Amino acid sequence: MNLNDRRREVAREICRIYDVSLSVEALHAFADILVPFKVLRGHKLVNEGEVCNYMFYVEKGMVLQYYKKNNTTVTEHISHEGDMVICIESFILREPSKIVASMIEPGIVYGIPHDEMEAIASRTFELCKLIFKFYQRSLIISQRKADVLRFETAKERYVRTMRENPEIIRRAPLHNVASFLQMTPETLSRVRAQVIEEGIK
């Protein structure tokens, strides 16, 4: 499969995930701006202090988004196949990112460049709708995470993640999972033991 065909296949998959129908012309315009990256574990898609120039679709691999606070790494989000990775404030406002996006597995991602995305969106409402869906989902994910952290216990947060996003539990390093769920590694170990003992699935 040549690059153009592969990009169109990825574009169709993104549209399927975000439940947006595009005309053939709009789909091809979107596919044409996709930039494939084959990346190694540890590669930084976005570094602190850099402007986030791409929104990334994860075709393969796992991405950690984190920031530093008091010399501690705080996990903001963990993404994998089928997810979109964006440091949204930096991407939209064109300001240096406070968040790092780093591969914790080798993989393949497709970058959606900011300027090209804005250009094609200015030409068709269909693509405006797709971009709106990107931002909408990002905001909903952030709001749901905030609500979970406000209202759920450590055990409830772990069980929710285990059920709704089991790949994070299976594949991400435990210290990153603990940070993502805002608990210490010791609390995570205790919660995991309780869940196993109680046979919760």
N, C-alpha and C. Protein backbone atom coordinates (compact mmCIF):
# COMPACT_ATOMS: atom_id res chain seq x y z
N MET A 1 0.85 -1.19 0.00
CA MET A 1 0.00 0.00 0.00
C MET A 1 0.89 1.25 0.00
N ASN A 2 0.62 2.17 -0.95
CA ASN A 2 1.44 3.37 -1.00
C ASN A 2 1.01 4.37 0.08
N LEU A 3 1.80 5.43 0.24
CA LEU A 3 1.56 6.37 1.32
C LEU A 3 0.20 7.04 1.21
N ASN A 4 -0.19 7.45 0.03
CA ASN A 4 -1.48 8.12 -0.14
C ASN A 4 -2.64 7.23 0.26
N ASP A 5 -2.58 5.96 -0.18
CA ASP A 5 -3.64 5.02 0.18
C ASP A 5 -3.68 4.80 1.69
N ARG A 6 -2.50 4.70 2.31
CA ARG A 6 -2.45 4.46 3.76
C ARG A 6 -3.01 5.66 4.51
N ARG A 7 -2.66 6.87 4.07
CA ARG A 7 -3.17 8.06 4.74
C ARG A 7 -4.69 8.15 4.61
N ARG A 8 -5.23 7.77 3.46
CA ARG A 8 -6.67 7.79 3.29
C ARG A 8 -7.36 6.75 4.17
N GLU A 9 -6.71 5.62 4.34
CA GLU A 9 -7.26 4.59 5.24
C GLU A 9 -7.28 5.10 6.68
N VAL A 10 -6.20 5.76 7.09
CA VAL A 10 -6.14 6.34 8.45
C VAL A 10 -7.19 7.44 8.60
N ALA A 11 -7.34 8.28 7.58
CA ALA A 11 -8.34 9.35 7.62
C ALA A 11 -9.74 8.76 7.79
N ARG A 12 -10.04 7.68 7.08
CA ARG A 12 -11.35 7.03 7.23
C ARG A 12 -11.54 6.50 8.65
N GLU A 13 -10.49 5.93 9.22
CA GLU A 13 -10.58 5.39 10.58
C GLU A 13 -10.82 6.51 11.59
N ILE A 14 -10.14 7.64 11.43
CA ILE A 14 -10.35 8.78 12.32
C ILE A 14 -11.78 9.27 12.22
N CYS A 15 -12.30 9.37 11.00
CA CYS A 15 -13.69 9.81 10.81
C CYS A 15 -14.67 8.82 11.44
N ARG A 16 -14.36 7.52 11.34
CA ARG A 16 -15.23 6.51 11.96
C ARG A 16 -15.25 6.68 13.47
N ILE A 17 -14.08 6.86 14.07
CA ILE A 17 -13.98 7.01 15.53
C ILE A 17 -14.75 8.24 16.00
N TYR A 18 -14.66 9.32 15.23
CA TYR A 18 -15.30 10.57 15.63
C TYR A 18 -16.69 10.74 15.04
N ASP A 19 -17.17 9.70 14.34
CA ASP A 19 -18.53 9.67 13.82
C ASP A 19 -18.83 10.88 12.93
N VAL A 20 -17.93 11.12 11.99
CA VAL A 20 -18.10 12.22 11.03
C VAL A 20 -18.02 11.64 9.62
N SER A 21 -18.98 12.00 8.78
CA SER A 21 -18.97 11.58 7.38
C SER A 21 -18.41 12.71 6.53
N LEU A 22 -17.43 12.37 5.69
CA LEU A 22 -16.84 13.35 4.78
C LEU A 22 -17.08 12.93 3.34
N SER A 23 -17.24 13.90 2.48
CA SER A 23 -17.28 13.62 1.05
C SER A 23 -15.91 13.09 0.64
N VAL A 24 -15.86 12.49 -0.54
CA VAL A 24 -14.58 11.97 -1.04
C VAL A 24 -13.55 13.09 -1.13
N GLU A 25 -13.98 14.26 -1.63
CA GLU A 25 -13.06 15.39 -1.78
C GLU A 25 -12.53 15.85 -0.42
N ALA A 26 -13.41 15.96 0.58
CA ALA A 26 -12.98 16.40 1.91
C ALA A 26 -12.09 15.37 2.57
N LEU A 27 -12.44 14.09 2.40
CA LEU A 27 -11.61 13.02 2.98
C LEU A 27 -10.21 13.07 2.40
N HIS A 28 -10.10 13.24 1.10
CA HIS A 28 -8.78 13.29 0.47
C HIS A 28 -8.00 14.52 0.92
N ALA A 29 -8.70 15.64 1.09
CA ALA A 29 -8.02 16.86 1.57
C ALA A 29 -7.47 16.65 2.98
N PHE A 30 -8.26 15.98 3.82
CA PHE A 30 -7.81 15.68 5.19
C PHE A 30 -6.65 14.69 5.17
N ALA A 31 -6.78 13.64 4.37
CA ALA A 31 -5.73 12.62 4.31
C ALA A 31 -4.41 13.21 3.83
N ASP A 32 -4.49 14.15 2.90
CA ASP A 32 -3.28 14.71 2.31
C ASP A 32 -2.42 15.48 3.31
N ILE A 33 -3.01 15.95 4.40
CA ILE A 33 -2.20 16.72 5.37
C ILE A 33 -1.64 15.83 6.49
N LEU A 34 -2.05 14.56 6.54
CA LEU A 34 -1.56 13.67 7.59
C LEU A 34 -0.08 13.36 7.38
N VAL A 35 0.67 13.45 8.48
CA VAL A 35 2.12 13.22 8.43
C VAL A 35 2.46 12.00 9.28
N PRO A 36 2.92 10.89 8.66
CA PRO A 36 3.24 9.70 9.46
C PRO A 36 4.59 9.82 10.17
N PHE A 37 4.62 9.34 11.40
CA PHE A 37 5.86 9.29 12.18
C PHE A 37 6.00 7.90 12.77
N LYS A 38 7.13 7.24 12.48
CA LYS A 38 7.46 5.98 13.14
C LYS A 38 8.41 6.33 14.27
N VAL A 39 8.00 6.10 15.51
CA VAL A 39 8.73 6.65 16.66
C VAL A 39 9.15 5.56 17.64
N LEU A 40 10.27 5.80 18.29
CA LEU A 40 10.82 4.87 19.27
C LEU A 40 10.31 5.19 20.67
N ARG A 41 10.43 4.23 21.55
CA ARG A 41 10.12 4.46 22.97
C ARG A 41 11.00 5.59 23.50
N GLY A 42 10.38 6.53 24.20
CA GLY A 42 11.11 7.66 24.74
C GLY A 42 11.11 8.89 23.86
N HIS A 43 10.69 8.73 22.61
CA HIS A 43 10.64 9.89 21.71
C HIS A 43 9.58 10.88 22.19
N LYS A 44 9.93 12.15 22.21
CA LYS A 44 9.00 13.19 22.65
C LYS A 44 8.28 13.79 21.44
N LEU A 45 6.98 13.58 21.39
CA LEU A 45 6.17 14.19 20.34
C LEU A 45 6.05 15.69 20.56
N VAL A 46 5.95 16.08 21.83
CA VAL A 46 5.93 17.50 22.22
C VAL A 46 6.80 17.62 23.46
N ASN A 47 7.67 18.61 23.48
CA ASN A 47 8.53 18.83 24.65
C ASN A 47 8.08 20.08 25.39
N GLU A 48 8.37 20.13 26.66
CA GLU A 48 8.06 21.32 27.45
C GLU A 48 8.76 22.54 26.84
N GLY A 49 8.03 23.63 26.71
CA GLY A 49 8.60 24.84 26.16
C GLY A 49 8.49 24.95 24.66
N GLU A 50 8.06 23.87 23.98
CA GLU A 50 7.83 23.90 22.54
C GLU A 50 6.35 24.18 22.24
N VAL A 51 6.10 24.81 21.11
CA VAL A 51 4.72 24.96 20.67
C VAL A 51 4.27 23.63 20.06
N CYS A 52 3.09 23.19 20.46
CA CYS A 52 2.52 21.94 19.92
C CYS A 52 2.00 22.22 18.51
N ASN A 53 2.72 21.76 17.50
CA ASN A 53 2.36 22.04 16.11
C ASN A 53 1.50 20.96 15.48
N TYR A 54 1.36 19.84 16.16
CA TYR A 54 0.56 18.74 15.63
C TYR A 54 -0.43 18.23 16.66
N MET A 55 -1.56 17.79 16.16
CA MET A 55 -2.44 16.90 16.89
C MET A 55 -2.07 15.50 16.37
N PHE A 56 -1.92 14.52 17.25
CA PHE A 56 -1.43 13.21 16.84
C PHE A 56 -2.51 12.14 16.99
N TYR A 57 -2.71 11.37 15.93
CA TYR A 57 -3.56 10.17 15.99
C TYR A 57 -2.64 8.98 16.22
N VAL A 58 -2.93 8.19 17.25
CA VAL A 58 -2.07 7.04 17.59
C VAL A 58 -2.57 5.81 16.84
N GLU A 59 -1.78 5.38 15.87
CA GLU A 59 -2.12 4.15 15.15
C GLU A 59 -1.59 2.93 15.90
N LYS A 60 -0.41 3.08 16.50
CA LYS A 60 0.21 1.98 17.24
C LYS A 60 1.08 2.57 18.34
N GLY A 61 1.00 1.98 19.54
CA GLY A 61 1.86 2.42 20.63
C GLY A 61 1.09 3.12 21.73
N MET A 62 1.83 3.63 22.70
CA MET A 62 1.23 4.29 23.87
C MET A 62 2.00 5.57 24.15
N VAL A 63 1.23 6.63 24.47
CA VAL A 63 1.81 7.96 24.67
C VAL A 63 1.47 8.45 26.08
N LEU A 64 2.48 8.96 26.76
CA LEU A 64 2.33 9.54 28.09
C LEU A 64 2.38 11.05 27.98
N GLN A 65 1.38 11.74 28.53
CA GLN A 65 1.43 13.19 28.66
C GLN A 65 1.63 13.53 30.13
N TYR A 66 2.65 14.35 30.41
CA TYR A 66 2.97 14.63 31.81
C TYR A 66 3.55 16.03 31.95
N TYR A 67 3.65 16.48 33.20
CA TYR A 67 4.31 17.74 33.50
C TYR A 67 5.09 17.58 34.80
N LYS A 68 5.99 18.51 35.05
CA LYS A 68 6.82 18.47 36.25
C LYS A 68 6.26 19.43 37.29
N LYS A 69 6.17 18.98 38.54
CA LYS A 69 5.72 19.81 39.65
C LYS A 69 6.54 19.45 40.89
N ASN A 70 7.26 20.43 41.41
CA ASN A 70 8.11 20.19 42.59
C ASN A 70 9.03 19.00 42.39
N ASN A 71 9.66 18.96 41.22
CA ASN A 71 10.61 17.89 40.87
C ASN A 71 9.96 16.51 40.78
N THR A 72 8.64 16.48 40.66
CA THR A 72 7.92 15.22 40.52
C THR A 72 7.21 15.20 39.17
N THR A 73 7.22 14.04 38.52
CA THR A 73 6.51 13.88 37.25
C THR A 73 5.05 13.54 37.54
N VAL A 74 4.15 14.34 37.01
CA VAL A 74 2.71 14.14 37.21
C VAL A 74 2.10 13.73 35.87
N THR A 75 1.47 12.57 35.85
CA THR A 75 0.87 12.06 34.61
C THR A 75 -0.47 12.74 34.36
N GLU A 76 -0.58 13.38 33.22
CA GLU A 76 -1.81 14.07 32.83
C GLU A 76 -2.75 13.14 32.07
N HIS A 77 -2.18 12.36 31.15
CA HIS A 77 -3.02 11.47 30.35
C HIS A 77 -2.17 10.36 29.75
N ILE A 78 -2.83 9.24 29.45
CA ILE A 78 -2.18 8.11 28.78
C ILE A 78 -3.05 7.72 27.60
N SER A 79 -2.47 7.70 26.41
CA SER A 79 -3.22 7.43 25.19
C SER A 79 -2.63 6.21 24.48
N HIS A 80 -3.46 5.57 23.65
CA HIS A 80 -3.00 4.42 22.87
C HIS A 80 -3.78 4.35 21.57
N GLU A 81 -3.76 3.20 20.92
CA GLU A 81 -4.34 3.05 19.59
C GLU A 81 -5.77 3.61 19.50
N GLY A 82 -5.98 4.43 18.49
CA GLY A 82 -7.30 5.01 18.27
C GLY A 82 -7.54 6.32 19.00
N ASP A 83 -6.59 6.73 19.83
CA ASP A 83 -6.73 7.99 20.58
C ASP A 83 -6.06 9.14 19.82
N MET A 84 -6.48 10.34 20.17
CA MET A 84 -5.85 11.55 19.66
C MET A 84 -5.07 12.18 20.81
N VAL A 85 -3.86 12.61 20.52
CA VAL A 85 -2.99 13.25 21.52
C VAL A 85 -2.84 14.71 21.12
N ILE A 86 -3.14 15.60 22.07
CA ILE A 86 -3.02 17.03 21.80
C ILE A 86 -2.70 17.77 23.09
N CYS A 87 -1.73 18.65 23.04
CA CYS A 87 -1.51 19.60 24.13
C CYS A 87 -2.34 20.82 23.75
N ILE A 88 -3.60 20.80 24.17
CA ILE A 88 -4.62 21.63 23.53
C ILE A 88 -4.38 23.13 23.68
N GLU A 89 -3.94 23.57 24.86
CA GLU A 89 -3.73 25.00 25.05
C GLU A 89 -2.63 25.51 24.13
N SER A 90 -1.53 24.76 24.05
CA SER A 90 -0.42 25.14 23.18
C SER A 90 -0.83 25.09 21.72
N PHE A 91 -1.57 24.05 21.35
CA PHE A 91 -1.97 23.86 19.95
C PHE A 91 -2.87 24.99 19.47
N ILE A 92 -3.84 25.37 20.30
CA ILE A 92 -4.81 26.39 19.90
C ILE A 92 -4.22 27.80 20.00
N LEU A 93 -3.55 28.10 21.12
CA LEU A 93 -3.06 29.46 21.36
C LEU A 93 -1.69 29.72 20.76
N ARG A 94 -1.02 28.65 20.28
CA ARG A 94 0.32 28.77 19.69
C ARG A 94 1.31 29.29 20.73
N GLU A 95 1.21 28.77 21.93
CA GLU A 95 2.09 29.13 23.02
C GLU A 95 2.92 27.91 23.44
N PRO A 96 4.07 28.13 24.09
CA PRO A 96 4.89 26.99 24.53
C PRO A 96 4.09 26.06 25.45
N SER A 97 4.29 24.78 25.26
CA SER A 97 3.55 23.78 26.03
C SER A 97 4.16 23.58 27.42
N LYS A 98 3.30 23.44 28.40
CA LYS A 98 3.73 23.06 29.75
C LYS A 98 3.72 21.54 29.90
N ILE A 99 3.10 20.87 28.92
CA ILE A 99 2.92 19.42 28.95
C ILE A 99 3.88 18.76 27.97
N VAL A 100 4.46 17.64 28.38
CA VAL A 100 5.30 16.81 27.52
C VAL A 100 4.46 15.64 27.03
N ALA A 101 4.60 15.30 25.76
CA ALA A 101 3.98 14.09 25.21
C ALA A 101 5.09 13.17 24.75
N SER A 102 5.21 12.01 25.38
CA SER A 102 6.35 11.13 25.14
C SER A 102 5.88 9.70 24.92
N MET A 103 6.52 9.00 23.99
CA MET A 103 6.18 7.60 23.72
C MET A 103 6.67 6.71 24.86
N ILE A 104 5.78 5.88 25.40
CA ILE A 104 6.23 4.88 26.38
C ILE A 104 6.24 3.49 25.75
N GLU A 105 5.91 3.42 24.49
CA GLU A 105 6.10 2.24 23.65
C GLU A 105 6.50 2.75 22.27
N PRO A 106 7.26 1.96 21.52
CA PRO A 106 7.50 2.36 20.12
C PRO A 106 6.18 2.30 19.36
N GLY A 107 6.06 3.09 18.33
CA GLY A 107 4.79 3.05 17.62
C GLY A 107 4.77 3.88 16.36
N ILE A 108 3.56 4.07 15.85
CA ILE A 108 3.32 4.88 14.66
C ILE A 108 2.21 5.88 14.98
N VAL A 109 2.48 7.14 14.73
CA VAL A 109 1.46 8.18 14.92
C VAL A 109 1.35 8.99 13.64
N TYR A 110 0.18 9.58 13.45
CA TYR A 110 -0.04 10.46 12.31
C TYR A 110 -0.29 11.87 12.83
N GLY A 111 0.56 12.80 12.41
CA GLY A 111 0.41 14.18 12.84
C GLY A 111 -0.56 14.94 11.96
N ILE A 112 -1.42 15.73 12.60
CA ILE A 112 -2.32 16.64 11.89
C ILE A 112 -1.78 18.04 12.15
N PRO A 113 -1.08 18.65 11.19
CA PRO A 113 -0.42 19.94 11.45
C PRO A 113 -1.42 21.07 11.60
N HIS A 114 -1.14 21.94 12.56
CA HIS A 114 -2.05 23.03 12.90
C HIS A 114 -2.40 23.92 11.71
N ASP A 115 -1.38 24.44 11.04
CA ASP A 115 -1.64 25.41 9.98
C ASP A 115 -2.39 24.79 8.81
N GLU A 116 -2.00 23.59 8.41
CA GLU A 116 -2.69 22.92 7.30
C GLU A 116 -4.12 22.57 7.68
N MET A 117 -4.33 22.18 8.94
CA MET A 117 -5.68 21.87 9.41
C MET A 117 -6.57 23.11 9.34
N GLU A 118 -6.04 24.24 9.80
CA GLU A 118 -6.79 25.48 9.74
C GLU A 118 -7.12 25.86 8.30
N ALA A 119 -6.17 25.61 7.41
CA ALA A 119 -6.37 25.99 6.00
C ALA A 119 -7.47 25.17 5.35
N ILE A 120 -7.48 23.85 5.57
CA ILE A 120 -8.52 23.05 4.94
C ILE A 120 -9.88 23.30 5.60
N ALA A 121 -9.88 23.60 6.90
CA ALA A 121 -11.14 23.88 7.59
C ALA A 121 -11.79 25.15 7.06
N SER A 122 -10.96 26.08 6.58
CA SER A 122 -11.51 27.34 6.06
C SER A 122 -12.21 27.13 4.72
N ARG A 123 -11.99 25.95 4.11
CA ARG A 123 -12.56 25.72 2.78
C ARG A 123 -13.84 24.90 2.79
N THR A 124 -14.10 24.17 3.89
CA THR A 124 -15.28 23.31 3.89
C THR A 124 -15.84 23.11 5.30
N PHE A 125 -17.16 23.17 5.42
CA PHE A 125 -17.82 22.98 6.71
C PHE A 125 -17.61 21.57 7.23
N GLU A 126 -17.54 20.61 6.33
CA GLU A 126 -17.35 19.21 6.75
C GLU A 126 -16.11 19.07 7.64
N LEU A 127 -15.04 19.70 7.22
CA LEU A 127 -13.80 19.58 7.98
C LEU A 127 -13.83 20.41 9.25
N CYS A 128 -14.60 21.51 9.23
CA CYS A 128 -14.82 22.27 10.47
C CYS A 128 -15.49 21.37 11.51
N LYS A 129 -16.46 20.59 11.06
CA LYS A 129 -17.18 19.70 11.97
C LYS A 129 -16.24 18.65 12.55
N LEU A 130 -15.35 18.11 11.74
CA LEU A 130 -14.39 17.11 12.23
C LEU A 130 -13.48 17.73 13.30
N ILE A 131 -12.97 18.92 13.03
CA ILE A 131 -12.09 19.59 13.99
C ILE A 131 -12.85 19.91 15.28
N PHE A 132 -14.09 20.34 15.13
CA PHE A 132 -14.93 20.57 16.32
C PHE A 132 -15.03 19.32 17.17
N LYS A 133 -15.19 18.17 16.50
CA LYS A 133 -15.28 16.90 17.23
C LYS A 133 -13.98 16.59 17.98
N PHE A 134 -12.83 16.92 17.37
CA PHE A 134 -11.55 16.71 18.05
C PHE A 134 -11.52 17.50 19.37
N TYR A 135 -11.84 18.77 19.27
CA TYR A 135 -11.79 19.63 20.45
C TYR A 135 -12.86 19.21 21.47
N GLN A 136 -14.03 18.88 20.98
CA GLN A 136 -15.13 18.48 21.86
C GLN A 136 -14.74 17.27 22.70
N ARG A 137 -14.17 16.25 22.04
CA ARG A 137 -13.81 15.04 22.79
C ARG A 137 -12.71 15.33 23.79
N SER A 138 -11.74 16.16 23.41
CA SER A 138 -10.65 16.50 24.33
C SER A 138 -11.20 17.18 25.58
N LEU A 139 -12.13 18.11 25.40
CA LEU A 139 -12.71 18.82 26.53
C LEU A 139 -13.55 17.90 27.41
N ILE A 140 -14.30 17.00 26.79
CA ILE A 140 -15.12 16.06 27.56
C ILE A 140 -14.23 15.13 28.39
N ILE A 141 -13.15 14.64 27.79
CA ILE A 141 -12.23 13.77 28.52
C ILE A 141 -11.65 14.50 29.74
N SER A 142 -11.27 15.76 29.54
CA SER A 142 -10.72 16.55 30.65
C SER A 142 -11.75 16.76 31.75
N GLN A 143 -12.99 17.06 31.36
CA GLN A 143 -14.04 17.28 32.36
C GLN A 143 -14.35 16.01 33.13
N ARG A 144 -14.44 14.88 32.42
CA ARG A 144 -14.74 13.61 33.09
C ARG A 144 -13.63 13.23 34.06
N LYS A 145 -12.38 13.47 33.66
CA LYS A 145 -11.27 13.16 34.56
C LYS A 145 -11.36 14.02 35.82
N ALA A 146 -11.65 15.31 35.64
CA ALA A 146 -11.77 16.21 36.79
C ALA A 146 -12.88 15.74 37.73
N ASP A 147 -14.02 15.33 37.16
CA ASP A 147 -15.14 14.86 37.98
C ASP A 147 -14.79 13.58 38.73
N VAL A 148 -14.10 12.67 38.05
CA VAL A 148 -13.69 11.42 38.69
C VAL A 148 -12.77 11.70 39.88
N LEU A 149 -11.81 12.59 39.67
CA LEU A 149 -10.87 12.91 40.75
C LEU A 149 -11.56 13.61 41.91
N ARG A 150 -12.60 14.39 41.63
CA ARG A 150 -13.32 15.09 42.69
C ARG A 150 -14.19 14.15 43.52
N PHE A 151 -14.87 13.23 42.85
CA PHE A 151 -15.98 12.53 43.50
C PHE A 151 -15.76 11.05 43.77
N GLU A 152 -14.71 10.44 43.21
CA GLU A 152 -14.55 8.99 43.38
C GLU A 152 -13.37 8.66 44.28
N THR A 153 -13.49 7.54 44.97
CA THR A 153 -12.40 7.05 45.81
C THR A 153 -11.30 6.47 44.92
N ALA A 154 -10.16 6.19 45.53
CA ALA A 154 -9.06 5.60 44.78
C ALA A 154 -9.48 4.27 44.15
N LYS A 155 -10.20 3.46 44.90
CA LYS A 155 -10.64 2.18 44.37
C LYS A 155 -11.61 2.36 43.21
N GLU A 156 -12.54 3.29 43.35
CA GLU A 156 -13.50 3.55 42.28
C GLU A 156 -12.80 4.04 41.01
N ARG A 157 -11.77 4.89 41.18
CA ARG A 157 -11.02 5.39 40.02
C ARG A 157 -10.31 4.25 39.31
N TYR A 158 -9.72 3.34 40.10
CA TYR A 158 -9.00 2.22 39.50
C TYR A 158 -9.96 1.30 38.75
N VAL A 159 -11.08 0.97 39.38
CA VAL A 159 -12.05 0.06 38.75
C VAL A 159 -12.62 0.69 37.48
N ARG A 160 -12.91 1.98 37.52
CA ARG A 160 -13.42 2.66 36.33
C ARG A 160 -12.42 2.55 35.18
N THR A 161 -11.16 2.83 35.46
CA THR A 161 -10.13 2.76 34.42
C THR A 161 -9.96 1.34 33.92
N MET A 162 -10.00 0.38 34.83
CA MET A 162 -9.86 -1.02 34.47
C MET A 162 -10.97 -1.45 33.50
N ARG A 163 -12.18 -0.93 33.71
CA ARG A 163 -13.32 -1.30 32.86
C ARG A 163 -13.39 -0.49 31.58
N GLU A 164 -13.11 0.82 31.67
CA GLU A 164 -13.30 1.70 30.53
C GLU A 164 -12.06 1.81 29.65
N ASN A 165 -10.89 1.60 30.24
CA ASN A 165 -9.65 1.75 29.48
C ASN A 165 -8.62 0.72 29.95
N PRO A 166 -8.93 -0.56 29.78
CA PRO A 166 -8.06 -1.61 30.33
C PRO A 166 -6.64 -1.61 29.78
N GLU A 167 -6.43 -1.05 28.58
CA GLU A 167 -5.08 -1.03 28.02
C GLU A 167 -4.12 -0.22 28.90
N ILE A 168 -4.63 0.82 29.54
CA ILE A 168 -3.79 1.60 30.45
C ILE A 168 -3.32 0.73 31.60
N ILE A 169 -4.24 -0.02 32.19
CA ILE A 169 -3.89 -0.90 33.32
C ILE A 169 -2.93 -1.98 32.88
N ARG A 170 -3.14 -2.54 31.69
CA ARG A 170 -2.32 -3.66 31.21
C ARG A 170 -0.92 -3.24 30.77
N ARG A 171 -0.83 -2.05 30.16
CA ARG A 171 0.41 -1.73 29.44
C ARG A 171 1.24 -0.60 30.02
N ALA A 172 0.65 0.34 30.69
CA ALA A 172 1.40 1.48 31.17
C ALA A 172 2.20 1.12 32.42
N PRO A 173 3.38 1.72 32.62
CA PRO A 173 4.14 1.50 33.86
C PRO A 173 3.30 1.85 35.08
N LEU A 174 3.44 1.07 36.14
CA LEU A 174 2.59 1.22 37.32
C LEU A 174 2.73 2.61 37.95
N HIS A 175 3.94 3.18 37.96
CA HIS A 175 4.09 4.49 38.59
C HIS A 175 3.35 5.56 37.79
N ASN A 176 3.24 5.37 36.45
CA ASN A 176 2.47 6.30 35.64
C ASN A 176 0.97 6.12 35.85
N VAL A 177 0.54 4.87 36.00
CA VAL A 177 -0.87 4.61 36.29
C VAL A 177 -1.25 5.23 37.63
N ALA A 178 -0.40 5.05 38.63
CA ALA A 178 -0.67 5.63 39.95
C ALA A 178 -0.77 7.15 39.87
N SER A 179 0.15 7.77 39.17
CA SER A 179 0.13 9.23 39.03
C SER A 179 -1.10 9.69 38.27
N PHE A 180 -1.45 8.98 37.20
CA PHE A 180 -2.64 9.31 36.40
C PHE A 180 -3.90 9.27 37.25
N LEU A 181 -3.97 8.29 38.17
CA LEU A 181 -5.15 8.14 39.03
C LEU A 181 -5.02 8.95 40.32
N GLN A 182 -3.94 9.73 40.42
CA GLN A 182 -3.67 10.59 41.57
C GLN A 182 -3.68 9.80 42.89
N MET A 183 -2.83 8.80 42.90
CA MET A 183 -2.59 8.03 44.13
C MET A 183 -1.12 7.64 44.17
N THR A 184 -0.64 7.27 45.33
CA THR A 184 0.74 6.82 45.44
C THR A 184 0.85 5.40 44.90
N PRO A 185 2.06 4.98 44.50
CA PRO A 185 2.23 3.59 44.07
C PRO A 185 1.80 2.59 45.14
N GLU A 186 2.02 2.95 46.42
CA GLU A 186 1.61 2.06 47.51
C GLU A 186 0.09 1.91 47.57
N THR A 187 -0.62 3.03 47.39
CA THR A 187 -2.08 2.98 47.37
C THR A 187 -2.56 2.16 46.18
N LEU A 188 -1.93 2.35 45.03
CA LEU A 188 -2.31 1.57 43.85
C LEU A 188 -2.14 0.08 44.10
N SER A 189 -1.02 -0.31 44.70
CA SER A 189 -0.79 -1.73 45.00
C SER A 189 -1.86 -2.27 45.93
N ARG A 190 -2.23 -1.48 46.94
CA ARG A 190 -3.27 -1.90 47.88
C ARG A 190 -4.62 -2.03 47.19
N VAL A 191 -4.94 -1.07 46.35
CA VAL A 191 -6.23 -1.11 45.63
C VAL A 191 -6.27 -2.30 44.68
N ARG A 192 -5.19 -2.53 43.95
CA ARG A 192 -5.13 -3.68 43.03
C ARG A 192 -5.35 -4.98 43.79
N ALA A 193 -4.72 -5.11 44.96
CA ALA A 193 -4.89 -6.32 45.76
C ALA A 193 -6.33 -6.50 46.21
N GLN A 194 -6.99 -5.40 46.60
CA GLN A 194 -8.39 -5.46 47.01
C GLN A 194 -9.29 -5.91 45.85
N VAL A 195 -9.03 -5.32 44.68
CA VAL A 195 -9.84 -5.64 43.51
C VAL A 195 -9.70 -7.11 43.15
N ILE A 196 -8.46 -7.61 43.19
CA ILE A 196 -8.22 -9.03 42.89
C ILE A 196 -8.89 -9.92 43.93
N GLU A 197 -8.74 -9.57 45.20
CA GLU A 197 -9.32 -10.36 46.28
C GLU A 197 -10.83 -10.41 46.18
N GLU A 198 -11.45 -9.29 45.80
CA GLU A 198 -12.90 -9.23 45.71
C GLU A 198 -13.44 -9.75 44.37
N GLY A 199 -12.53 -10.09 43.47
CA GLY A 199 -12.94 -10.64 42.18
C GLY A 199 -13.67 -9.65 41.29
N ILE A 200 -13.35 -8.38 41.44
CA ILE A 200 -14.00 -7.34 40.63
C ILE A 200 -13.41 -7.38 39.22
N LYS A 201 -14.32 -7.34 38.25
CA LYS A 201 -13.89 -7.34 36.84
C LYS A 201 -14.52 -6.19 36.09
